[in-house]
Amino acid sequence: MSNLVAVIMAAGKGTRMKSKLPKVMHSLAGKTLIEHVLDIVGRAGVDRSLVIVGHGREGVEALIENRAEIVVQTEQLGTGHAVLQAMPYLEGEQTVLVLSGDQPLLKSETLNELVKLHQAQGASATVLTSYMEQPFGYGRIIKKGEKLVRIVEEKDAAPDEREIKEINTGTYCFKGSALRDALTKITTQNAQGEYYLTEVFDVLLKHEKKVLTYRTVNSQEALGINSRGQLAEAEGIVRKNILEHWMSEGVTIVDPASTFIDAEVILAQDVTILPFTRLVGKTKIEEDSVIGPQTNIENCTVGRGSEVTFSVARDAVIGECCHIGPFSYLRPGTKLDARVKVGDFVEIKNSWVEMGAKIPHLSYIGDTHVGKSANIGAGTITCNYDGVNKHHTKIGDHAFIGSNTNLVAPLEVGEYAVTGAGSTITKNVPAKALVVERSQQVVKENWHREKIK
């Protein structure tokens, strides 16, 4: 759609959220509300987006970055006043979509149909409406037959008007010149003493301009987020949609009720997700992998055919055919090549583990390069921190690190080298060497004496 501009209202504090965060910065399925709305208008073919900011503007601006132009509303005097701040940024006969930054469930297809009707009929304005069985809190659409008479806010509605179930979603399409002219004529004669954007329609109708309505197929699209309860309701809807999408794409989700997948997660065909699993951020899982149960993966890539069970991974790369868990913790900067085994109660941080290496039990590997097919014995610790700085450890290909070895960095263990169990290694170990560092075993026979009575 050419010459289409979106004006997104995101200046409100969101008092009912009871939060230091601006309302539009609250998260829904891994993305903020304002990011969801920007994604929606982007998919609808909008050429240009303007975001009106006010409360907490610095945070909203930093979040949006280059995705939209910023318009500042220094005083919050109502929705009409907010949109008025955007008028100097608009020129010519543009089609203007006006949306709220707290409506993440709108569909781009609905916006496309709204704009299509508006432009085809040459309307001055078109209102997106919805039908709700419980319309409390929403403005009502007052019609005579199919003709719009006016929009009345909940607080200004008469008792009989509050019984009306067709509501105003707060999303509109305008002819730019008609919007600009009407905004100069609205007043604050209402219960809130604010400039309501809905009064624009009174002005347009009074001057016999064409004003249309388009009703959503699904009333869930109209849900605005004004409280934590509504945020939770929207979260349930979005997550259900995400799960249904991935199941339709060939992903097995054993128990959808206990599975949580963020909006930006990507799953391949034949991935299996077991119960009580959470996939967060920009996680990507390749085909034939099995994730879970009770696993949390955040901003990770998991290669084809890998298994991650009862574990936590953050900002890590897991190669093909790896076996992780149970009870492993992969911290940021971890990179595992193909066929790596990371077993129970193993923690890895900022380390590269090459193909075929094994870290099966009870170990901490930090700031380390583990070579191909190396075997790390149970209880191994890389002592990477000296109290001031972090230091690096390198373990060569095919090295064998005995159980309960302490590797004091900076340190290099050569390929095919072996460390004796219980050793504390402080100096580099040559390739193919055996190194043992432990106190001499002392045996004192007949040491135990019965307690003297």
Foldseek 3Di string as FASTA:
>chain_A
DPQEEEEEEQADQLVQAVDLDRQQQDDFLFHGLLVLVLVQVVVLVGPAYEYEHERPRVVVCVVCPPSHHYFYDPDPQEPLSRVLSCLVVDDDFGKYKYYYSQQNLAHSVLVNVQVVVCVVVVAQKEFEKEFDPQQPQFWAFDADVQHTDFTGGNQQDDPVRNNHGIGTLRIMIGGSVLSNVLSVVFALPGPVSGGYSRCSVVVCVVVPTGYHYDYDPDPSSSQGDSYVVSSVVVSVVVQVVVVVVVVVQAEAEPDSVQERHGPQEAEHHQEYEYGNEYEHDNEYEYHLEYEEDNEYEYCEYAEYNEYAYCEYAYQEYHEHHEYHEDCEYEYHLHYEYYHEYHYHCEYEENEYAYAQEYDHEQEYHYQEYHEHNEYAEYQEYEQQDPPPDGAYEYEYHNEYEAHNEYEYPPEYEYDCEYEHHNAYDDYYHYHNYYYYHDDDDDDDPPPDDPDDD
